[in-house]
Structures are given as structure tokens and as C-alpha cells.
Amino acid sequence: MTEPVSVEIFTIGNEILTGEIQDTNTCWLCRELNHLGGRVARCTVLRDDQRIIALELRAALGRGTRVILTSGGLGPTADDLTLAAVAEGAGVPLRLHEGALGMVRQSYDDLHDRGILEVGGLNPAREKMAHLPAGASPLTNPVGTAPAVLLQLGAATVISLPGVPPELHGIFHSSLQPFLRQTFQGGLSALHTLTVCCNDESLLEPLLSRVVPAHPGVYIKSLATRPGEMAELDIFLTATGSDRAAVQSLIDAALKDLREGLGALDISHRDKPGLG
């Protein structure tokens, strides 16, 4: 099986780190990318600081990450610094992109025509959203005004998405799809969950410490509850790849070992419905 595509996610915004806004984009992106067979290796929350974002981007590139996704910081205000930071991290200048400028103008004109905004067209703040890192391409935003931005850097790709969740979701499921299909090439993941009639992870540790290294292609994780809350816990088994039969075979082999081990420990278990 081929190695899954490595992914890092940068969630950007002071308002997240002050607790004013709860970050839901990271969880959503992790789930969607895992379904595609990608491997999210790292998620980082960053302040609106151009230098710090640029340094983190360079570090991710140095780790050989294939896909770097940023969310937030694409808007018209002075603290929306993501594209300037991506340009700095990539070592390229910011340039006005005529295609992106047309997207921004059209979005504001549409909002004006629908009676949502009093003024359509462009102004300096709106034009700012069309200054992209040199060599980058804009992606249509079907929900909002700021285009997403895709920048190819050798074997790596940096994708900058708006932080507003409906906009991020809309771009992911529309204009970003050609890139996702080409990059992940039919990748997929499989999940199976065992509910075990035991609420003490320490009793399962000898079994898990044997089974986990025996199945390196499967991520196996027990999820405990608070002692006394429930007399059971879940064990999740996840595998990714490009061939469904091969991925399922990995899961089945690990399940067989787990079930035999649980039987030897006289611990009952059952498959959790609806989760694989």
C-alpha cells in the first residue's frame, strides 16, 4: 500500500487563542481528510502574526509535508495577514492577481444586487483580498467574498481557506475538489469500533501493547470514560489507503487479534453499530 498523503493544518486567529471563538474547522478538516485517506500529522493554532505564520510554514515544508491547509486571515482588515505570511514563508512577493480581483468584485456586486450591502464593487480593503503570493491561483468562494488560494511549492501545496466555517466547507466541496481528487487519488479510510465491557484501561494495556505493534497499518486507540460513569469503553481501529479490500483486510486482522485477546481475558465485547 502507498503511503498516505501527509497533511498539516494551521488555524489562524487571535480570537481562537483568546477563547472568543471555538475552533470547529480543525475537527471538520481532519474528518474530511481522513475520509480521503490522508494523514493529518499536525494541527497548529496561531496568532495573527505574519512572522510566526511564515516560520511555521517553513518548518512544515522542512518536514516534507505534502499538503498544508490554513484557515482564517483572508479578509479585508489589517489583521488578516495569512496571504502575506504565506508569501514570506514561501520566499515570494505578494502580487495583485487579476483573476482574484474579478472574483472579489463579482462577489461584492452580487451582494449589492441582492440588497445585502449598500455598496458593491471594489475599494482598497476589498482589493487587498486579491493580492496573492506570486505563482498562486485563486479558488472560487461560493459562499463569501474572499477567494481561497492554492500555491504549489515543489512537491508541497499550500491551500489558504477562509476561517468562516460555511465558506471553508463550501470551497472544500466545490472549487477545491479537482485538487483533492488528483492529490488523494481515490484514497479512503475504514473505521471499526469495538465496545468492550470493561472500564479500566490498565487491564487492557497488556493486550493493546501486544496488538498495536503487530498491526502498524492500523491506528488502534481505546477511549476511556470516567471511572464509575460507564462499565465499558470503546476501542477504535482506523486504517487508510487507496484499496478498500486491502484497508479492510488490515482492520480485520487487527480485530481478530483483539477479539482473541479479549476472549482470553474473559472480557466480553460487541461491535458498535453505525461506525464500521
Protein backbone atom coordinates (compact mmCIF):
# COMPACT_ATOMS: atom_id res chain seq x y z
CA MET A 1 0.00 0.00 0.00
CA THR A 2 1.19 3.51 -0.79
CA GLU A 3 1.98 5.96 1.98
CA PRO A 4 -0.94 8.30 2.79
CA VAL A 5 -0.58 11.96 1.85
CA SER A 6 0.81 13.92 4.81
CA VAL A 7 -1.19 16.97 5.87
CA GLU A 8 -0.76 19.82 8.34
CA ILE A 9 -3.44 22.32 9.34
CA PHE A 10 -2.80 25.87 10.55
CA THR A 11 -5.78 27.53 12.20
CA ILE A 12 -5.13 31.25 12.39
CA GLY A 13 -6.77 33.91 14.52
CA ASN A 14 -6.23 35.74 17.81
CA GLU A 15 -9.93 35.27 18.61
CA ILE A 16 -9.42 31.50 18.84
CA LEU A 17 -6.49 31.77 21.23
CA THR A 18 -8.37 34.22 23.48
CA GLY A 19 -11.32 31.83 23.63
CA GLU A 20 -13.76 34.23 21.98
CA ILE A 21 -14.47 31.77 19.15
CA GLN A 22 -14.40 27.99 19.28
CA ASP A 23 -12.39 26.36 16.51
CA THR A 24 -14.55 23.84 14.66
CA ASN A 25 -12.65 23.99 11.36
CA THR A 26 -9.77 21.79 12.54
CA CYS A 27 -12.04 18.92 13.60
CA TRP A 28 -14.07 19.19 10.39
CA LEU A 29 -11.00 19.23 8.15
CA CYS A 30 -9.40 16.30 10.00
CA ARG A 31 -12.51 14.22 9.50
CA GLU A 32 -12.85 15.09 5.81
CA LEU A 33 -9.17 14.50 5.06
CA ASN A 34 -9.15 11.20 6.93
CA HIS A 35 -12.10 10.07 4.82
CA LEU A 36 -9.99 10.82 1.75
CA GLY A 37 -7.21 8.61 3.09
CA GLY A 38 -4.95 11.50 4.10
CA ARG A 39 -2.83 11.51 7.24
CA VAL A 40 -3.09 14.67 9.31
CA ALA A 41 0.22 14.78 11.14
CA ARG A 42 -0.09 18.10 12.94
CA CYS A 43 -2.63 20.84 13.73
CA THR A 44 -1.41 24.21 14.96
CA VAL A 45 -3.35 27.25 16.20
CA LEU A 46 -1.52 30.52 15.50
CA ARG A 47 -1.99 34.18 16.29
CA ASP A 48 -2.38 36.77 13.54
CA ASP A 49 1.39 37.27 13.40
CA GLN A 50 2.96 37.29 9.95
CA ARG A 51 6.44 36.31 11.10
CA ILE A 52 5.24 33.40 13.22
CA ILE A 53 2.96 32.04 10.48
CA ALA A 54 5.81 32.28 7.96
CA LEU A 55 8.18 30.43 10.30
CA GLU A 56 5.62 27.66 10.88
CA LEU A 57 5.10 27.31 7.14
CA ARG A 58 8.83 26.95 6.53
CA ALA A 59 9.00 24.33 9.30
CA ALA A 60 6.17 22.33 7.74
CA LEU A 61 7.87 22.47 4.35
CA GLY A 62 11.09 21.31 6.00
CA ARG A 63 9.26 18.29 7.43
CA GLY A 64 8.28 17.28 3.89
CA THR A 65 4.55 17.84 4.42
CA ARG A 66 2.66 17.36 1.15
CA VAL A 67 -0.44 19.46 1.86
CA ILE A 68 -0.58 22.46 4.21
CA LEU A 69 -4.01 23.93 4.87
CA THR A 70 -4.54 27.28 6.55
CA SER A 71 -7.89 28.61 7.74
CA GLY A 72 -8.54 32.23 8.62
CA GLY A 73 -6.92 35.57 7.88
CA LEU A 74 -8.04 36.13 4.27
CA GLY A 75 -10.37 39.07 4.86
CA PRO A 76 -10.12 42.80 4.11
CA THR A 77 -8.92 44.08 7.51
CA ALA A 78 -5.35 44.89 8.57
CA ASP A 79 -5.09 41.87 10.87
CA ASP A 80 -5.87 39.45 8.01
CA LEU A 81 -2.24 38.53 7.35
CA THR A 82 -2.31 34.95 6.15
CA LEU A 83 -1.51 35.53 2.47
CA ALA A 84 1.33 37.92 3.30
CA ALA A 85 2.68 35.32 5.73
CA VAL A 86 2.42 32.51 3.16
CA ALA A 87 4.28 34.69 0.66
CA GLU A 88 7.00 35.40 3.22
CA GLY A 89 7.29 31.75 4.20
CA ALA A 90 7.49 30.71 0.54
CA GLY A 91 10.02 33.43 -0.27
CA VAL A 92 7.88 35.08 -2.96
CA PRO A 93 6.29 38.55 -3.22
CA LEU A 94 2.61 39.42 -2.93
CA ARG A 95 1.10 40.49 -6.26
CA LEU A 96 -2.30 41.68 -7.40
CA HIS A 97 -3.96 38.79 -9.23
CA GLU A 98 -6.43 39.98 -11.85
CA GLY A 99 -8.45 36.77 -11.72
CA ALA A 100 -8.81 37.03 -7.95
CA LEU A 101 -9.69 40.71 -8.28
CA GLY A 102 -12.51 39.79 -10.64
CA MET A 103 -13.81 37.20 -8.14
CA VAL A 104 -13.80 39.75 -5.31
CA ARG A 105 -15.53 42.40 -7.43
CA GLN A 106 -18.18 39.94 -8.57
CA SER A 107 -18.88 38.77 -5.02
CA TYR A 108 -19.43 42.30 -3.74
CA ASP A 109 -21.51 43.23 -6.77
CA ASP A 110 -23.73 40.20 -6.18
CA LEU A 111 -24.18 41.11 -2.51
CA HIS A 112 -25.10 44.65 -3.54
CA ASP A 113 -27.57 43.43 -6.17
CA ARG A 114 -29.25 41.22 -3.56
CA GLY A 115 -29.66 44.17 -1.21
CA ILE A 116 -27.26 42.79 1.40
CA LEU A 117 -24.63 45.54 1.01
CA GLU A 118 -25.20 49.20 0.23
CA VAL A 119 -22.13 49.45 -1.98
CA GLY A 120 -20.78 46.93 -4.48
CA GLY A 121 -17.55 46.96 -6.43
CA LEU A 122 -14.08 47.46 -5.04
CA ASN A 123 -12.29 49.64 -2.51
CA PRO A 124 -8.72 49.35 -1.18
CA ALA A 125 -9.71 47.00 1.65
CA ARG A 126 -11.58 44.67 -0.69
CA GLU A 127 -8.78 44.80 -3.26
CA LYS A 128 -6.39 43.59 -0.55
CA MET A 129 -8.01 40.13 -0.76
CA ALA A 130 -6.81 39.81 -4.37
CA HIS A 131 -3.11 40.21 -3.53
CA LEU A 132 -1.79 36.66 -3.66
CA PRO A 133 1.65 35.08 -3.27
CA ALA A 134 3.35 35.13 -6.69
CA GLY A 135 2.54 31.93 -8.57
CA ALA A 136 -0.62 31.21 -6.58
CA SER A 137 -4.07 30.56 -8.04
CA PRO A 138 -7.40 31.78 -6.62
CA LEU A 139 -10.23 29.33 -5.93
CA THR A 140 -13.84 30.43 -6.16
CA ASN A 141 -15.62 31.02 -2.86
CA PRO A 142 -19.29 30.11 -3.50
CA VAL A 143 -20.42 31.42 -0.11
CA GLY A 144 -18.36 34.52 0.76
CA THR A 145 -16.14 37.20 -0.73
CA ALA A 146 -12.53 36.10 -0.14
CA PRO A 147 -11.18 33.60 -2.69
CA ALA A 148 -9.26 30.63 -1.39
CA VAL A 149 -5.67 30.43 -2.60
CA LEU A 150 -3.62 27.47 -3.83
CA LEU A 151 0.17 27.73 -4.04
CA GLN A 152 2.35 24.93 -5.38
CA LEU A 153 5.83 24.80 -3.80
CA GLY A 154 7.71 21.88 -5.35
CA ALA A 155 6.14 18.68 -4.04
CA ALA A 156 4.13 20.62 -1.43
CA THR A 157 0.89 22.53 -1.83
CA VAL A 158 -0.30 25.33 0.45
CA ILE A 159 -4.04 25.97 0.46
CA SER A 160 -5.39 29.03 2.27
CA LEU A 161 -9.07 28.88 3.20
CA PRO A 162 -11.34 31.45 4.88
CA GLY A 163 -12.00 30.93 8.56
CA VAL A 164 -15.79 31.27 8.38
CA PRO A 165 -16.96 27.63 8.52
CA PRO A 166 -19.68 27.78 5.81
CA GLU A 167 -17.18 29.39 3.43
CA LEU A 168 -14.49 26.83 4.24
CA HIS A 169 -16.97 23.97 3.75
CA GLY A 170 -18.29 25.44 0.51
CA ILE A 171 -14.83 25.79 -1.04
CA PHE A 172 -13.74 22.34 0.14
CA HIS A 173 -16.75 20.73 -1.54
CA SER A 174 -16.61 22.78 -4.76
CA SER A 175 -13.59 24.59 -6.18
CA LEU A 176 -11.04 22.57 -4.15
CA GLN A 177 -12.39 19.22 -5.35
CA PRO A 178 -10.21 18.92 -8.50
CA PHE A 179 -7.06 19.27 -6.36
CA LEU A 180 -8.35 16.82 -3.75
CA ARG A 181 -9.27 14.19 -6.35
CA GLN A 182 -5.88 14.45 -8.04
CA THR A 183 -3.86 14.50 -4.83
CA PHE A 184 -5.61 11.80 -2.83
CA GLN A 185 -6.47 9.69 -5.93
CA GLY A 186 -9.33 7.69 -4.52
CA GLY A 187 -7.90 7.48 -1.04
CA LEU A 188 -10.20 6.20 1.69
CA SER A 189 -10.33 5.22 5.31
CA ALA A 190 -12.09 2.49 7.25
CA LEU A 191 -13.20 2.61 10.87
CA HIS A 192 -14.36 -0.17 13.16
CA THR A 193 -15.34 0.26 16.79
CA LEU A 194 -15.45 -2.41 19.49
CA THR A 195 -17.35 -1.70 22.68
CA VAL A 196 -15.63 -3.58 25.49
CA CYS A 197 -17.33 -4.46 28.77
CA CYS A 198 -14.51 -3.06 30.87
CA ASN A 199 -13.90 0.49 32.09
CA ASP A 200 -10.31 0.02 33.24
CA GLU A 201 -7.75 0.72 30.52
CA SER A 202 -4.96 -0.65 32.69
CA LEU A 203 -6.48 -4.15 32.40
CA LEU A 204 -6.41 -3.85 28.60
CA GLU A 205 -2.89 -2.43 28.41
CA PRO A 206 -1.05 -5.81 28.13
CA LEU A 207 -3.33 -6.80 25.24
CA LEU A 208 -3.10 -3.45 23.43
CA SER A 209 0.66 -3.23 23.87
CA ARG A 210 0.92 -6.58 22.04
CA VAL A 211 -1.68 -5.99 19.32
CA VAL A 212 -0.80 -2.39 18.39
CA PRO A 213 2.82 -3.01 17.26
CA ALA A 214 1.72 -6.17 15.44
CA HIS A 215 -0.54 -4.10 13.17
CA PRO A 216 1.37 -0.93 12.24
CA GLY A 217 -1.05 -0.17 9.39
CA VAL A 218 -3.95 0.25 11.80
CA TYR A 219 -4.40 3.05 14.33
CA ILE A 220 -5.81 1.43 17.47
CA LYS A 221 -6.97 3.61 20.32
CA SER A 222 -9.06 2.94 23.42
CA LEU A 223 -11.35 5.74 24.61
CA ALA A 224 -11.96 5.57 28.32
CA THR A 225 -14.78 7.08 30.32
CA ARG A 226 -14.56 8.46 33.83
CA PRO A 227 -14.28 5.57 36.36
CA GLY A 228 -17.73 4.64 37.56
CA GLU A 229 -19.50 6.51 34.76
CA MET A 230 -19.97 3.51 32.46
CA ALA A 231 -18.90 -0.13 32.75
CA GLU A 232 -17.48 -0.17 29.24
CA LEU A 233 -15.19 1.66 26.81
CA ASP A 234 -14.65 1.84 23.05
CA ILE A 235 -11.65 0.69 21.04
CA PHE A 236 -11.33 2.40 17.65
CA LEU A 237 -9.49 0.82 14.73
CA THR A 238 -8.74 3.05 11.73
CA ALA A 239 -6.78 2.38 8.55
CA THR A 240 -6.25 4.43 5.40
CA GLY A 241 -5.19 3.60 1.85
CA SER A 242 -6.38 3.52 -1.74
CA ASP A 243 -7.75 -0.03 -1.99
CA ARG A 244 -10.85 -0.76 0.08
CA ALA A 245 -10.27 -4.51 0.23
CA ALA A 246 -6.68 -4.05 1.40
CA VAL A 247 -7.67 -1.49 4.02
CA GLN A 248 -10.46 -3.72 5.31
CA SER A 249 -8.05 -6.66 5.44
CA LEU A 250 -5.79 -4.67 7.78
CA ILE A 251 -8.73 -3.87 10.04
CA ASP A 252 -9.95 -7.49 10.03
CA ALA A 253 -6.55 -8.87 11.00
CA ALA A 254 -6.24 -6.46 13.92
CA LEU A 255 -9.82 -7.20 15.00
CA LYS A 256 -9.10 -10.94 15.02
CA ASP A 257 -6.15 -10.43 17.36
CA LEU A 258 -8.12 -8.12 19.63
CA ARG A 259 -11.09 -10.46 19.86
CA GLU A 260 -8.89 -13.46 20.65
CA GLY A 261 -7.08 -11.47 23.34
CA LEU A 262 -10.31 -10.22 24.89
CA GLY A 263 -11.61 -13.78 24.91
CA ALA A 264 -8.50 -14.97 26.73
CA LEU A 265 -9.07 -12.23 29.32
CA ASP A 266 -12.76 -13.26 29.59
CA ILE A 267 -13.82 -9.72 28.69
CA SER A 268 -16.98 -9.54 26.60
CA HIS A 269 -17.28 -7.13 23.69
CA ARG A 270 -19.51 -6.19 20.79
CA ASP A 271 -19.30 -4.30 17.51
CA LYS A 272 -20.60 -0.76 17.78
CA PRO A 273 -23.32 -0.24 15.18
CA GLY A 274 -23.06 2.51 12.59
CA LEU A 275 -19.31 3.03 12.98
CA GLY A 276 -17.78 0.39 10.77
